[in-house]
Amino acid sequence: MNIAIFGASGGTGRELVRQSAGRGHQVTAFVRNPHSLPNVSGTQHPVRSVVGDALDPRAVASAIEGQDAVLSALGPRTLRNDPLLPESMRHILAAMQQNGVRRLIVLGAAGVWPGATRDLSAPGKLILNFLHSVMLKQVFAEHREMQTLIRNSSAEWTVVQPPFLSNAPGRGQYRVRPDTLPARGMRIARADVAHFMLAQLSSSEWVRKSPYLSW
């Protein structure tokens, strides 16, 4: 399958590139710095890199042309006001529609929508609610704007909502819930998030849904 990966140089994006290339997909990695891509030598297809800014609609469109699916692991560049998430998604959705690409799988964040902490312990709820209302208030607002654009689109989308991300090795096992984080589900490896995101390329179970994912 031909897939474009945005945010390919970030922690989860690098896992997406490595795992998708290992599965034999033909990967187009959208990056600002091509030297930040992981080494995937020995895989069936070389990774094609498109260097550009996700706020540039022409650069975004050049990466999406000829693809079967789009994955985004873009994240905010600052805790202050940053248009990257909603603006880049506008360009991605427009380019997908222009090129007839339907499948979109996006990295979100647990806590963006009410109810995510329902089954967590009291300390877990306190931590996520503090992040939501104080430390990451602006970041979560930008996530909500991005996800609202996605939900209102005609794309066959899935937005994956993990809690705190770890660089630990993936376990290959995790819990998935449709509307809230699993009990005690405060952490998961980026490798496992990438594993789940890539599994959605061949599944319709979570199309137009926002599953929560944790260990």
Protein backbone atom coordinates (compact mmCIF):
# COMPACT_ATOMS: atom_id res chain seq x y z
CA MET A 1 0.00 0.00 0.00
CA ASN A 2 1.18 3.55 -0.73
CA ILE A 3 0.99 5.64 2.44
CA ALA A 4 2.00 9.19 3.31
CA ILE A 5 3.16 9.84 6.88
CA PHE A 6 3.11 13.38 8.26
CA GLY A 7 5.16 14.14 11.34
CA ALA A 8 7.49 11.35 10.27
CA SER A 9 10.48 12.73 12.18
CA GLY A 10 8.73 12.78 15.58
CA GLY A 11 8.75 9.99 18.13
CA THR A 12 5.59 8.23 16.97
CA GLY A 13 6.16 9.21 13.35
CA ARG A 14 9.54 7.49 13.29
CA GLU A 15 7.87 4.34 14.60
CA LEU A 16 5.25 4.59 11.87
CA VAL A 17 7.95 4.88 9.21
CA ARG A 18 10.00 2.00 10.60
CA GLN A 19 7.07 -0.38 11.08
CA SER A 20 5.28 0.46 7.83
CA ALA A 21 8.46 0.01 5.79
CA GLY A 22 9.02 -3.29 7.58
CA ARG A 23 5.54 -4.43 6.55
CA GLY A 24 6.30 -3.75 2.90
CA HIS A 25 4.34 -0.54 2.46
CA GLN A 26 5.62 2.10 0.08
CA VAL A 27 6.17 5.03 2.41
CA THR A 28 6.29 8.74 1.65
CA ALA A 29 7.60 10.50 4.75
CA PHE A 30 6.81 14.20 5.07
CA VAL A 31 9.54 15.90 7.11
CA ARG A 32 11.21 19.23 7.66
CA ASN A 33 14.59 17.52 8.09
CA PRO A 34 15.25 14.37 6.02
CA HIS A 35 18.23 13.42 8.20
CA SER A 36 15.88 12.77 11.13
CA LEU A 37 14.27 9.72 9.50
CA PRO A 38 15.03 6.28 11.01
CA ASN A 39 17.24 3.81 9.18
CA VAL A 40 15.03 1.30 7.38
CA SER A 41 17.68 -0.32 5.20
CA GLY A 42 16.93 -3.88 4.12
CA THR A 43 13.19 -3.29 3.77
CA GLN A 44 11.28 -4.18 0.61
CA HIS A 45 10.78 -0.57 -0.52
CA PRO A 46 12.96 2.48 0.17
CA VAL A 47 11.32 5.34 2.05
CA ARG A 48 10.63 8.38 -0.10
CA SER A 49 10.99 11.66 1.75
CA VAL A 50 9.20 14.90 0.93
CA VAL A 51 10.83 17.87 2.63
CA GLY A 52 8.52 20.73 3.42
CA ASP A 53 6.38 22.60 5.91
CA ALA A 54 2.99 21.16 6.80
CA LEU A 55 1.61 24.70 6.61
CA ASP A 56 2.47 24.81 2.90
CA PRO A 57 -0.52 23.42 0.95
CA ARG A 58 1.52 22.70 -2.18
CA ALA A 59 4.11 20.70 -0.26
CA VAL A 60 1.36 18.75 1.51
CA ALA A 61 -0.40 18.01 -1.78
CA SER A 62 2.83 16.77 -3.36
CA ALA A 63 3.17 14.16 -0.60
CA ILE A 64 -0.44 12.95 -0.87
CA GLU A 65 -0.60 12.58 -4.64
CA GLY A 66 -0.68 8.89 -5.60
CA GLN A 67 -1.26 7.61 -2.04
CA ASP A 68 -3.78 5.06 -0.80
CA ALA A 69 -3.89 6.37 2.78
CA VAL A 70 -2.58 9.18 4.95
CA LEU A 71 -1.27 8.89 8.50
CA SER A 72 -0.52 11.91 10.66
CA ALA A 73 1.58 11.96 13.82
CA LEU A 74 1.99 15.73 13.80
CA GLY A 75 2.27 17.33 17.19
CA PRO A 76 2.40 20.91 18.47
CA ARG A 77 5.75 22.68 18.25
CA THR A 78 5.09 24.81 21.34
CA LEU A 79 2.74 24.95 24.32
CA ARG A 80 1.69 28.43 23.24
CA ASN A 81 -0.66 29.36 20.43
CA ASP A 82 0.38 27.34 17.37
CA PRO A 83 -1.76 26.89 14.24
CA LEU A 84 0.11 23.78 13.07
CA LEU A 85 -2.44 21.08 13.93
CA PRO A 86 -5.65 22.64 12.54
CA GLU A 87 -4.01 24.41 9.60
CA SER A 88 -1.98 21.39 8.46
CA MET A 89 -5.11 19.23 8.72
CA ARG A 90 -7.01 21.66 6.50
CA HIS A 91 -4.30 21.20 3.86
CA ILE A 92 -4.23 17.41 4.32
CA LEU A 93 -7.99 17.06 3.98
CA ALA A 94 -8.09 19.32 0.92
CA ALA A 95 -5.28 17.39 -0.77
CA MET A 96 -6.94 14.07 0.04
CA GLN A 97 -10.19 15.20 -1.52
CA GLN A 98 -8.37 16.56 -4.56
CA ASN A 99 -6.53 13.27 -5.08
CA GLY A 100 -9.37 10.90 -4.19
CA VAL A 101 -7.65 9.54 -1.05
CA ARG A 102 -10.18 8.36 1.53
CA ARG A 103 -8.37 6.73 4.47
CA LEU A 104 -6.97 8.99 7.21
CA ILE A 105 -5.46 7.81 10.50
CA VAL A 106 -4.41 10.51 12.97
CA LEU A 107 -2.62 10.64 16.30
CA GLY A 108 -4.76 12.53 18.80
CA ALA A 109 -4.45 12.87 22.56
CA ALA A 110 -6.48 11.50 25.46
CA GLY A 111 -8.15 14.24 27.46
CA VAL A 112 -9.10 16.40 24.49
CA TRP A 113 -12.79 15.51 24.89
CA PRO A 114 -14.88 15.21 28.08
CA GLY A 115 -15.24 11.72 29.50
CA ALA A 116 -11.74 10.45 28.72
CA THR A 117 -10.87 10.15 32.43
CA ARG A 118 -14.14 8.52 33.53
CA ASP A 119 -12.64 5.15 34.53
CA LEU A 120 -9.29 6.40 35.81
CA SER A 121 -8.32 6.52 39.48
CA ALA A 122 -8.69 9.79 41.37
CA PRO A 123 -4.97 10.66 40.95
CA GLY A 124 -5.15 9.87 37.22
CA LYS A 125 -8.18 12.10 36.79
CA LEU A 126 -6.44 14.87 38.71
CA ILE A 127 -3.33 14.72 36.52
CA LEU A 128 -5.17 14.70 33.18
CA ASN A 129 -7.65 17.36 34.28
CA PHE A 130 -4.76 19.60 35.38
CA LEU A 131 -3.06 19.16 32.01
CA HIS A 132 -6.32 19.87 30.22
CA SER A 133 -7.22 23.01 32.15
CA VAL A 134 -3.77 24.49 32.86
CA MET A 135 -0.54 23.17 31.39
CA LEU A 136 -1.77 21.94 27.99
CA LYS A 137 -4.91 24.07 27.71
CA GLN A 138 -3.88 25.67 24.41
CA VAL A 139 -2.53 22.41 22.95
CA PHE A 140 -5.77 20.59 23.70
CA ALA A 141 -7.76 23.46 22.16
CA GLU A 142 -5.77 23.03 18.95
CA HIS A 143 -6.33 19.26 19.06
CA ARG A 144 -10.08 19.86 19.38
CA GLU A 145 -10.06 22.22 16.42
CA MET A 146 -8.11 19.69 14.35
CA GLN A 147 -10.38 16.82 15.32
CA THR A 148 -13.51 18.86 14.61
CA LEU A 149 -12.24 19.45 11.07
CA ILE A 150 -11.63 15.73 10.69
CA ARG A 151 -15.04 14.74 12.06
CA ASN A 152 -16.78 17.15 9.69
CA SER A 153 -14.90 15.83 6.66
CA SER A 154 -15.91 13.12 4.21
CA ALA A 155 -12.73 11.12 4.90
CA GLU A 156 -12.77 7.61 6.32
CA TRP A 157 -10.95 8.74 9.44
CA THR A 158 -9.73 7.24 12.68
CA VAL A 159 -8.31 9.44 15.44
CA VAL A 160 -6.27 7.46 17.98
CA GLN A 161 -6.34 8.89 21.52
CA PRO A 162 -3.44 7.67 23.70
CA PRO A 163 -2.44 8.96 27.17
CA PHE A 164 1.22 9.60 28.13
CA LEU A 165 3.58 8.26 25.46
CA SER A 166 6.70 6.28 26.32
CA ASN A 167 9.83 5.42 24.34
CA ALA A 168 9.87 1.96 25.94
CA PRO A 169 9.80 -1.09 23.66
CA GLY A 170 6.36 -2.00 22.38
CA ARG A 171 4.57 -4.91 24.04
CA GLY A 172 2.35 -5.78 21.10
CA GLN A 173 -0.58 -5.90 23.52
CA TYR A 174 -2.76 -3.01 24.63
CA ARG A 175 -6.32 -2.15 25.53
CA VAL A 176 -8.72 -0.24 23.27
CA ARG A 177 -11.91 1.47 24.38
CA PRO A 178 -14.40 3.41 22.25
CA ASP A 179 -15.21 6.35 24.52
CA THR A 180 -12.83 6.54 27.51
CA LEU A 181 -9.38 5.50 28.65
CA PRO A 182 -9.19 1.96 30.11
CA ALA A 183 -8.97 1.75 33.89
CA ARG A 184 -5.43 2.59 35.09
CA GLY A 185 -4.59 3.36 31.45
CA MET A 186 -2.14 6.20 31.88
CA ARG A 187 0.72 5.13 29.60
CA ILE A 188 1.61 3.35 26.35
CA ALA A 189 4.68 3.02 24.12
CA ARG A 190 4.87 4.96 20.89
CA ALA A 191 5.73 1.66 19.19
CA ASP A 192 2.38 0.20 20.25
CA VAL A 193 0.48 3.30 19.13
CA ALA A 194 2.15 3.02 15.72
CA HIS A 195 1.29 -0.69 15.63
CA PHE A 196 -2.38 0.07 16.23
CA MET A 197 -2.47 2.92 13.73
CA LEU A 198 -0.99 0.75 10.99
CA ALA A 199 -3.40 -2.09 11.80
CA GLN A 200 -6.24 0.28 10.85
CA LEU A 201 -5.08 0.29 7.23
CA SER A 202 -6.65 -3.15 6.81
CA SER A 203 -9.58 -2.76 9.22
CA SER A 204 -12.87 -0.87 9.16
CA GLU A 205 -13.63 -1.43 12.85
CA TRP A 206 -12.68 2.07 13.94
CA VAL A 207 -13.59 4.09 10.84
CA ARG A 208 -15.09 7.46 11.83
CA LYS A 209 -14.33 6.73 15.46
CA SER A 210 -11.85 7.98 18.07
CA PRO A 211 -10.64 4.97 20.07
CA TYR A 212 -8.69 5.33 23.32
CA LEU A 213 -5.56 3.22 23.59
CA SER A 214 -3.38 2.30 26.59
CA TRP A 215 -1.52 -0.54 28.25
